[in-house]
Amino acid sequence: MLGVALFFIGAVLVVNGVGLTGRIEAKESAPFNFIVGFLTLFINFFLLTKAQTNLDFLSIAGGLLFSFTYLYLSVVQWYGLNGTGLGWYCLFVAISAVVNAAFTPDLIFSGLWVLWASLWLFFFIALALKKNLAFLPIYTILIGIGTCWIPGFLMLFGKW
């Protein structure tokens, strides 16, 4: 299931990164953000029914950080909001992702959490603090491909 989630998170990050360049209008990205947010929400709620350990619940909470990010973003895009609230949520997520990295026993996933935390931190800076980060579109695309799409594909092929 994680492979499916990461595969589509990678896709939505690429779409959002391209959107940040101005090549895709926000309202055009909103449905995909909603679909991916809902997909990951569904996956995490399903996993919640099977969770037994604190690490299971930590993993689900981490997954829900993604779900709520894309659901929130879809609302911001659909309604043309300025995203300040989403930016402050991204700060919460960035901090939570660092904590998740610290308590994830798998070193590779810890590294992924640190990279995801950096992306959420940059979105906090861009959205809440209204700073122009020229590198953010390409960084979003690279994070999407390198930390989500490729690992998701590898998981789906049983190579991870």
N, C-alpha and C. Protein backbone atom coordinates (compact mmCIF):
# COMPACT_ATOMS: atom_id res chain seq x y z
N MET A 1 0.81 -1.20 0.00
CA MET A 1 0.00 0.00 0.00
C MET A 1 0.85 1.26 0.00
N LEU A 2 1.96 1.22 0.72
CA LEU A 2 2.84 2.39 0.76
C LEU A 2 3.34 2.71 -0.64
N GLY A 3 3.63 1.68 -1.43
CA GLY A 3 4.10 1.91 -2.79
C GLY A 3 3.08 2.65 -3.62
N VAL A 4 1.80 2.29 -3.49
CA VAL A 4 0.73 2.99 -4.22
C VAL A 4 0.68 4.45 -3.78
N ALA A 5 0.71 4.67 -2.47
CA ALA A 5 0.64 6.04 -1.96
C ALA A 5 1.82 6.87 -2.46
N LEU A 6 3.03 6.34 -2.32
CA LEU A 6 4.21 7.11 -2.74
C LEU A 6 4.22 7.36 -4.24
N PHE A 7 3.77 6.38 -5.03
CA PHE A 7 3.71 6.55 -6.47
C PHE A 7 2.86 7.77 -6.84
N PHE A 8 1.68 7.87 -6.25
CA PHE A 8 0.79 8.99 -6.56
C PHE A 8 1.21 10.29 -5.88
N ILE A 9 1.83 10.21 -4.71
CA ILE A 9 2.36 11.42 -4.09
C ILE A 9 3.47 11.99 -4.97
N GLY A 10 4.29 11.11 -5.53
CA GLY A 10 5.32 11.57 -6.47
C GLY A 10 4.70 12.29 -7.66
N ALA A 11 3.62 11.71 -8.19
CA ALA A 11 2.95 12.33 -9.34
C ALA A 11 2.39 13.71 -8.98
N VAL A 12 1.75 13.80 -7.82
CA VAL A 12 1.14 15.09 -7.45
C VAL A 12 2.21 16.13 -7.13
N LEU A 13 3.34 15.70 -6.60
CA LEU A 13 4.42 16.66 -6.37
C LEU A 13 4.99 17.18 -7.68
N VAL A 14 5.09 16.33 -8.68
CA VAL A 14 5.55 16.78 -9.99
C VAL A 14 4.54 17.78 -10.58
N VAL A 15 3.26 17.44 -10.52
CA VAL A 15 2.22 18.35 -11.02
C VAL A 15 2.28 19.68 -10.27
N ASN A 16 2.42 19.63 -8.95
CA ASN A 16 2.47 20.86 -8.17
C ASN A 16 3.74 21.66 -8.46
N GLY A 17 4.84 20.97 -8.66
CA GLY A 17 6.07 21.67 -9.02
C GLY A 17 5.95 22.37 -10.35
N VAL A 18 5.37 21.69 -11.33
CA VAL A 18 5.13 22.32 -12.64
C VAL A 18 4.16 23.49 -12.47
N GLY A 19 3.15 23.30 -11.61
CA GLY A 19 2.21 24.39 -11.34
C GLY A 19 2.90 25.62 -10.77
N LEU A 20 3.91 25.40 -9.95
CA LEU A 20 4.64 26.53 -9.37
C LEU A 20 5.40 27.33 -10.42
N THR A 21 5.67 26.71 -11.57
CA THR A 21 6.34 27.43 -12.66
C THR A 21 5.36 28.28 -13.45
N GLY A 22 4.06 28.09 -13.20
CA GLY A 22 3.04 28.84 -13.93
C GLY A 22 2.51 28.11 -15.15
N ARG A 23 2.99 26.90 -15.40
CA ARG A 23 2.56 26.15 -16.58
C ARG A 23 1.22 25.43 -16.39
N ILE A 24 0.79 25.32 -15.15
CA ILE A 24 -0.52 24.71 -14.83
C ILE A 24 -1.22 25.67 -13.87
N GLU A 25 -2.45 26.02 -14.17
CA GLU A 25 -3.22 26.88 -13.27
C GLU A 25 -3.59 26.10 -12.02
N ALA A 26 -3.67 26.81 -10.90
CA ALA A 26 -3.97 26.17 -9.61
C ALA A 26 -5.27 25.38 -9.65
N LYS A 27 -6.30 25.93 -10.29
CA LYS A 27 -7.59 25.22 -10.35
C LYS A 27 -7.49 23.94 -11.16
N GLU A 28 -6.51 23.86 -12.05
CA GLU A 28 -6.29 22.65 -12.83
C GLU A 28 -5.64 21.55 -11.97
N SER A 29 -4.84 21.95 -10.99
CA SER A 29 -4.16 21.00 -10.10
C SER A 29 -5.05 20.56 -8.95
N ALA A 30 -6.03 21.36 -8.62
CA ALA A 30 -6.86 21.09 -7.44
C ALA A 30 -7.51 19.71 -7.44
N PRO A 31 -8.12 19.26 -8.55
CA PRO A 31 -8.75 17.93 -8.51
C PRO A 31 -7.75 16.82 -8.23
N PHE A 32 -6.55 16.92 -8.82
CA PHE A 32 -5.55 15.86 -8.60
C PHE A 32 -5.07 15.88 -7.15
N ASN A 33 -4.88 17.07 -6.58
CA ASN A 33 -4.51 17.15 -5.17
C ASN A 33 -5.59 16.53 -4.29
N PHE A 34 -6.85 16.79 -4.63
CA PHE A 34 -7.96 16.21 -3.88
C PHE A 34 -7.97 14.68 -3.99
N ILE A 35 -7.80 14.17 -5.21
CA ILE A 35 -7.82 12.72 -5.44
C ILE A 35 -6.69 12.04 -4.68
N VAL A 36 -5.49 12.58 -4.77
CA VAL A 36 -4.34 11.98 -4.07
C VAL A 36 -4.51 12.11 -2.56
N GLY A 37 -5.01 13.26 -2.11
CA GLY A 37 -5.28 13.43 -0.68
C GLY A 37 -6.29 12.42 -0.18
N PHE A 38 -7.35 12.22 -0.94
CA PHE A 38 -8.38 11.26 -0.55
C PHE A 38 -7.85 9.83 -0.62
N LEU A 39 -7.06 9.51 -1.65
CA LEU A 39 -6.47 8.16 -1.77
C LEU A 39 -5.60 7.85 -0.56
N THR A 40 -4.72 8.78 -0.20
CA THR A 40 -3.84 8.53 0.94
C THR A 40 -4.62 8.51 2.25
N LEU A 41 -5.68 9.30 2.33
CA LEU A 41 -6.55 9.26 3.50
C LEU A 41 -7.19 7.87 3.63
N PHE A 42 -7.69 7.36 2.54
CA PHE A 42 -8.31 6.03 2.53
C PHE A 42 -7.29 4.96 2.93
N ILE A 43 -6.10 5.01 2.35
CA ILE A 43 -5.06 4.03 2.67
C ILE A 43 -4.73 4.09 4.16
N ASN A 44 -4.56 5.28 4.69
CA ASN A 44 -4.21 5.42 6.11
C ASN A 44 -5.34 4.99 7.03
N PHE A 45 -6.59 5.27 6.66
CA PHE A 45 -7.71 4.80 7.48
C PHE A 45 -7.80 3.27 7.45
N PHE A 46 -7.50 2.68 6.29
CA PHE A 46 -7.48 1.21 6.21
C PHE A 46 -6.37 0.66 7.12
N LEU A 47 -5.19 1.26 7.04
CA LEU A 47 -4.07 0.81 7.88
C LEU A 47 -4.38 1.01 9.36
N LEU A 48 -5.15 2.02 9.67
CA LEU A 48 -5.53 2.29 11.06
C LEU A 48 -6.31 1.11 11.65
N THR A 49 -7.08 0.42 10.83
CA THR A 49 -7.86 -0.73 11.31
C THR A 49 -6.96 -1.91 11.66
N LYS A 50 -5.74 -1.92 11.14
CA LYS A 50 -4.82 -3.02 11.38
C LYS A 50 -3.67 -2.66 12.33
N ALA A 51 -3.58 -1.40 12.71
CA ALA A 51 -2.47 -0.92 13.54
C ALA A 51 -2.54 -1.53 14.94
N GLN A 52 -1.34 -1.86 15.46
CA GLN A 52 -1.27 -2.45 16.79
C GLN A 52 -0.19 -1.82 17.67
N THR A 53 0.86 -1.34 17.06
CA THR A 53 1.98 -0.82 17.84
C THR A 53 2.07 0.69 17.72
N ASN A 54 2.83 1.29 18.61
CA ASN A 54 3.05 2.74 18.53
C ASN A 54 3.69 3.14 17.21
N LEU A 55 4.62 2.29 16.69
CA LEU A 55 5.24 2.60 15.40
C LEU A 55 4.23 2.53 14.27
N ASP A 56 3.26 1.62 14.36
CA ASP A 56 2.17 1.58 13.37
C ASP A 56 1.42 2.90 13.37
N PHE A 57 1.07 3.37 14.55
CA PHE A 57 0.31 4.61 14.66
C PHE A 57 1.15 5.81 14.22
N LEU A 58 2.44 5.80 14.53
CA LEU A 58 3.34 6.88 14.07
C LEU A 58 3.38 6.91 12.55
N SER A 59 3.47 5.76 11.93
CA SER A 59 3.50 5.68 10.48
C SER A 59 2.20 6.22 9.87
N ILE A 60 1.08 5.86 10.46
CA ILE A 60 -0.22 6.33 9.98
C ILE A 60 -0.34 7.84 10.16
N ALA A 61 0.07 8.34 11.31
CA ALA A 61 0.04 9.79 11.54
C ALA A 61 0.90 10.51 10.49
N GLY A 62 2.05 9.93 10.18
CA GLY A 62 2.90 10.50 9.13
C GLY A 62 2.21 10.50 7.78
N GLY A 63 1.55 9.41 7.46
CA GLY A 63 0.82 9.34 6.20
C GLY A 63 -0.30 10.37 6.14
N LEU A 64 -0.95 10.59 7.27
CA LEU A 64 -2.04 11.57 7.30
C LEU A 64 -1.53 13.00 7.13
N LEU A 65 -0.27 13.24 7.49
CA LEU A 65 0.31 14.56 7.21
C LEU A 65 0.26 14.85 5.71
N PHE A 66 0.57 13.83 4.90
CA PHE A 66 0.48 13.98 3.45
C PHE A 66 -0.97 14.18 3.02
N SER A 67 -1.85 13.32 3.52
CA SER A 67 -3.27 13.40 3.13
C SER A 67 -3.83 14.79 3.36
N PHE A 68 -3.64 15.30 4.56
CA PHE A 68 -4.22 16.59 4.90
C PHE A 68 -3.55 17.73 4.13
N THR A 69 -2.27 17.58 3.80
CA THR A 69 -1.59 18.59 2.99
C THR A 69 -2.28 18.71 1.63
N TYR A 70 -2.51 17.59 0.97
CA TYR A 70 -3.08 17.64 -0.38
C TYR A 70 -4.56 18.01 -0.36
N LEU A 71 -5.28 17.59 0.67
CA LEU A 71 -6.68 18.00 0.78
C LEU A 71 -6.78 19.50 1.03
N TYR A 72 -5.95 20.00 1.93
CA TYR A 72 -5.92 21.43 2.24
C TYR A 72 -5.53 22.22 0.99
N LEU A 73 -4.48 21.76 0.30
CA LEU A 73 -4.02 22.44 -0.91
C LEU A 73 -5.12 22.47 -1.96
N SER A 74 -5.87 21.40 -2.10
CA SER A 74 -6.93 21.39 -3.10
C SER A 74 -7.97 22.46 -2.81
N VAL A 75 -8.30 22.66 -1.55
CA VAL A 75 -9.26 23.71 -1.17
C VAL A 75 -8.68 25.09 -1.47
N VAL A 76 -7.41 25.30 -1.13
CA VAL A 76 -6.75 26.58 -1.41
C VAL A 76 -6.78 26.86 -2.91
N GLN A 77 -6.49 25.84 -3.71
CA GLN A 77 -6.47 26.03 -5.16
C GLN A 77 -7.87 26.26 -5.73
N TRP A 78 -8.84 25.46 -5.30
CA TRP A 78 -10.19 25.59 -5.83
C TRP A 78 -10.80 26.95 -5.54
N TYR A 79 -10.58 27.44 -4.33
CA TYR A 79 -11.20 28.69 -3.92
C TYR A 79 -10.31 29.91 -4.09
N GLY A 80 -9.11 29.72 -4.65
CA GLY A 80 -8.22 30.84 -4.90
C GLY A 80 -7.75 31.55 -3.64
N LEU A 81 -7.56 30.79 -2.55
CA LEU A 81 -7.09 31.37 -1.30
C LEU A 81 -5.61 31.69 -1.41
N ASN A 82 -5.10 32.53 -0.51
CA ASN A 82 -3.68 32.91 -0.60
C ASN A 82 -2.74 31.87 0.01
N GLY A 83 -3.23 30.92 0.74
CA GLY A 83 -2.41 29.82 1.24
C GLY A 83 -1.66 30.09 2.54
N THR A 84 -1.91 31.21 3.18
CA THR A 84 -1.21 31.52 4.42
C THR A 84 -1.46 30.45 5.48
N GLY A 85 -2.71 30.06 5.63
CA GLY A 85 -3.04 29.00 6.60
C GLY A 85 -2.37 27.70 6.26
N LEU A 86 -2.36 27.35 4.98
CA LEU A 86 -1.66 26.14 4.54
C LEU A 86 -0.18 26.24 4.87
N GLY A 87 0.39 27.42 4.69
CA GLY A 87 1.80 27.62 5.02
C GLY A 87 2.10 27.34 6.48
N TRP A 88 1.24 27.83 7.36
CA TRP A 88 1.44 27.56 8.79
C TRP A 88 1.23 26.09 9.11
N TYR A 89 0.30 25.44 8.43
CA TYR A 89 0.15 23.99 8.59
C TYR A 89 1.43 23.29 8.14
N CYS A 90 2.04 23.78 7.06
CA CYS A 90 3.28 23.17 6.58
C CYS A 90 4.41 23.26 7.62
N LEU A 91 4.42 24.32 8.42
CA LEU A 91 5.41 24.39 9.50
C LEU A 91 5.17 23.28 10.52
N PHE A 92 3.92 23.09 10.91
CA PHE A 92 3.57 21.99 11.82
C PHE A 92 4.01 20.65 11.22
N VAL A 93 3.75 20.48 9.93
CA VAL A 93 4.10 19.22 9.28
C VAL A 93 5.61 19.05 9.21
N ALA A 94 6.34 20.11 8.90
CA ALA A 94 7.80 20.03 8.82
C ALA A 94 8.39 19.60 10.16
N ILE A 95 7.91 20.19 11.23
CA ILE A 95 8.39 19.82 12.57
C ILE A 95 8.01 18.37 12.88
N SER A 96 6.79 18.00 12.58
CA SER A 96 6.33 16.63 12.82
C SER A 96 7.14 15.63 12.00
N ALA A 97 7.50 16.01 10.77
CA ALA A 97 8.28 15.11 9.91
C ALA A 97 9.68 14.89 10.48
N VAL A 98 10.28 15.92 11.07
CA VAL A 98 11.60 15.76 11.70
C VAL A 98 11.49 14.80 12.89
N VAL A 99 10.45 14.96 13.68
CA VAL A 99 10.22 14.04 14.81
C VAL A 99 10.01 12.62 14.28
N ASN A 100 9.22 12.50 13.21
CA ASN A 100 9.00 11.19 12.62
C ASN A 100 10.33 10.58 12.16
N ALA A 101 11.18 11.39 11.55
CA ALA A 101 12.49 10.91 11.11
C ALA A 101 13.31 10.39 12.29
N ALA A 102 13.22 11.08 13.41
CA ALA A 102 14.00 10.69 14.59
C ALA A 102 13.55 9.36 15.17
N PHE A 103 12.28 9.03 15.00
CA PHE A 103 11.75 7.81 15.62
C PHE A 103 11.49 6.69 14.62
N THR A 104 11.78 6.91 13.35
CA THR A 104 11.61 5.86 12.35
C THR A 104 12.84 4.96 12.40
N PRO A 105 12.66 3.66 12.65
CA PRO A 105 13.82 2.78 12.80
C PRO A 105 14.60 2.55 11.51
N ASP A 106 14.00 2.70 10.38
CA ASP A 106 14.65 2.49 9.08
C ASP A 106 15.40 3.75 8.68
N LEU A 107 16.71 3.65 8.50
CA LEU A 107 17.54 4.82 8.19
C LEU A 107 17.18 5.45 6.85
N ILE A 108 16.81 4.65 5.87
CA ILE A 108 16.43 5.22 4.58
C ILE A 108 15.17 6.05 4.73
N PHE A 109 14.18 5.51 5.45
CA PHE A 109 12.96 6.28 5.65
C PHE A 109 13.19 7.50 6.53
N SER A 110 14.11 7.41 7.45
CA SER A 110 14.47 8.60 8.24
C SER A 110 14.99 9.69 7.32
N GLY A 111 15.83 9.31 6.38
CA GLY A 111 16.35 10.27 5.41
C GLY A 111 15.26 10.86 4.54
N LEU A 112 14.32 10.01 4.13
CA LEU A 112 13.19 10.51 3.33
C LEU A 112 12.37 11.51 4.13
N TRP A 113 12.14 11.21 5.41
CA TRP A 113 11.37 12.14 6.26
C TRP A 113 12.08 13.48 6.38
N VAL A 114 13.39 13.47 6.46
CA VAL A 114 14.15 14.74 6.55
C VAL A 114 13.98 15.53 5.25
N LEU A 115 14.05 14.85 4.11
CA LEU A 115 13.87 15.54 2.84
C LEU A 115 12.45 16.10 2.71
N TRP A 116 11.46 15.31 3.11
CA TRP A 116 10.07 15.79 3.07
C TRP A 116 9.89 16.97 4.01
N ALA A 117 10.53 16.89 5.18
CA ALA A 117 10.46 18.01 6.13
C ALA A 117 11.02 19.27 5.50
N SER A 118 12.10 19.15 4.76
CA SER A 118 12.69 20.33 4.12
C SER A 118 11.71 20.95 3.12
N LEU A 119 11.02 20.10 2.36
CA LEU A 119 10.05 20.63 1.40
C LEU A 119 8.92 21.36 2.10
N TRP A 120 8.38 20.74 3.16
CA TRP A 120 7.31 21.41 3.91
C TRP A 120 7.81 22.72 4.53
N LEU A 121 9.05 22.74 5.00
CA LEU A 121 9.60 23.97 5.56
C LEU A 121 9.68 25.06 4.49
N PHE A 122 10.11 24.69 3.30
CA PHE A 122 10.17 25.67 2.22
C PHE A 122 8.77 26.18 1.85
N PHE A 123 7.77 25.31 1.91
CA PHE A 123 6.41 25.77 1.64
C PHE A 123 5.91 26.69 2.75
N PHE A 124 6.32 26.44 3.99
CA PHE A 124 6.00 27.38 5.07
C PHE A 124 6.59 28.76 4.75
N ILE A 125 7.85 28.77 4.36
CA ILE A 125 8.53 30.03 4.07
C ILE A 125 7.84 30.75 2.90
N ALA A 126 7.49 29.98 1.87
CA ALA A 126 6.87 30.58 0.68
C ALA A 126 5.44 31.05 0.94
N LEU A 127 4.65 30.23 1.64
CA LEU A 127 3.23 30.54 1.79
C LEU A 127 2.92 31.40 3.01
N ALA A 128 3.49 31.07 4.15
CA ALA A 128 3.16 31.82 5.37
C ALA A 128 3.98 33.10 5.49
N LEU A 129 5.25 33.03 5.12
CA LEU A 129 6.11 34.20 5.23
C LEU A 129 6.19 35.00 3.94
N LYS A 130 5.57 34.46 2.88
CA LYS A 130 5.48 35.14 1.58
C LYS A 130 6.84 35.48 0.98
N LYS A 131 7.79 34.56 1.12
CA LYS A 131 9.12 34.74 0.54
C LYS A 131 9.16 34.03 -0.81
N ASN A 132 9.79 34.65 -1.79
CA ASN A 132 9.94 34.05 -3.10
C ASN A 132 11.13 33.10 -3.09
N LEU A 133 10.87 31.83 -3.26
CA LEU A 133 11.93 30.83 -3.31
C LEU A 133 11.99 30.32 -4.75
N ALA A 134 12.89 30.88 -5.53
CA ALA A 134 12.97 30.58 -6.96
C ALA A 134 13.23 29.11 -7.25
N PHE A 135 13.90 28.43 -6.35
CA PHE A 135 14.24 27.02 -6.53
C PHE A 135 13.09 26.08 -6.19
N LEU A 136 12.02 26.58 -5.58
CA LEU A 136 10.95 25.72 -5.06
C LEU A 136 10.27 24.85 -6.13
N PRO A 137 9.99 25.35 -7.32
CA PRO A 137 9.36 24.46 -8.31
C PRO A 137 10.22 23.23 -8.64
N ILE A 138 11.49 23.45 -8.95
CA ILE A 138 12.35 22.32 -9.32
C ILE A 138 12.62 21.43 -8.11
N TYR A 139 12.76 22.02 -6.93
CA TYR A 139 12.98 21.23 -5.72
C TYR A 139 11.77 20.33 -5.46
N THR A 140 10.57 20.87 -5.65
CA THR A 140 9.35 20.08 -5.46
C THR A 140 9.32 18.90 -6.43
N ILE A 141 9.66 19.16 -7.68
CA ILE A 141 9.68 18.10 -8.69
C ILE A 141 10.73 17.04 -8.33
N LEU A 142 11.92 17.46 -7.96
CA LEU A 142 12.99 16.51 -7.61
C LEU A 142 12.64 15.68 -6.38
N ILE A 143 12.05 16.31 -5.37
CA ILE A 143 11.62 15.56 -4.18
C ILE A 143 10.54 14.56 -4.58
N GLY A 144 9.62 14.99 -5.42
CA GLY A 144 8.55 14.09 -5.87
C GLY A 144 9.09 12.87 -6.59
N ILE A 145 10.03 13.09 -7.49
CA ILE A 145 10.59 11.98 -8.26
C ILE A 145 11.50 11.11 -7.39
N GLY A 146 12.43 11.77 -6.67
CA GLY A 146 13.46 11.02 -5.95
C GLY A 146 13.03 10.35 -4.66
N THR A 147 12.04 10.94 -3.98
CA THR A 147 11.67 10.37 -2.68
C THR A 147 10.30 9.70 -2.67
N CYS A 148 9.55 9.86 -3.75
CA CYS A 148 8.20 9.28 -3.77
C CYS A 148 7.96 8.40 -5.00
N TRP A 149 8.08 9.00 -6.19
CA TRP A 149 7.73 8.26 -7.40
C TRP A 149 8.65 7.05 -7.60
N ILE A 150 9.96 7.25 -7.55
CA ILE A 150 10.89 6.12 -7.74
C ILE A 150 10.76 5.10 -6.61
N PRO A 151 10.79 5.50 -5.32
CA PRO A 151 10.58 4.48 -4.27
C PRO A 151 9.22 3.78 -4.41
N GLY A 152 8.17 4.53 -4.76
CA GLY A 152 6.87 3.91 -4.94
C GLY A 152 6.89 2.87 -6.04
N PHE A 153 7.49 3.21 -7.18
CA PHE A 153 7.63 2.24 -8.27
C PHE A 153 8.41 1.02 -7.81
N LEU A 154 9.53 1.25 -7.13
CA LEU A 154 10.34 0.12 -6.66
C LEU A 154 9.54 -0.79 -5.73
N MET A 155 8.75 -0.19 -4.86
CA MET A 155 7.91 -0.98 -3.95
C MET A 155 6.88 -1.79 -4.74
N LEU A 156 6.28 -1.16 -5.75
CA LEU A 156 5.27 -1.86 -6.54
C LEU A 156 5.87 -3.02 -7.33
N PHE A 157 7.13 -2.89 -7.71
CA PHE A 157 7.82 -3.97 -8.43
C PHE A 157 8.49 -4.97 -7.49
N GLY A 158 8.35 -4.75 -6.17
CA GLY A 158 8.96 -5.66 -5.20
C GLY A 158 10.47 -5.53 -5.13
N LYS A 159 10.99 -4.40 -5.49
CA LYS A 159 12.45 -4.17 -5.48
C LYS A 159 12.89 -3.28 -4.35
N TRP A 160 12.01 -2.98 -3.40
CA TRP A 160 12.34 -2.11 -2.27
C TRP A 160 12.16 -2.88 -0.99
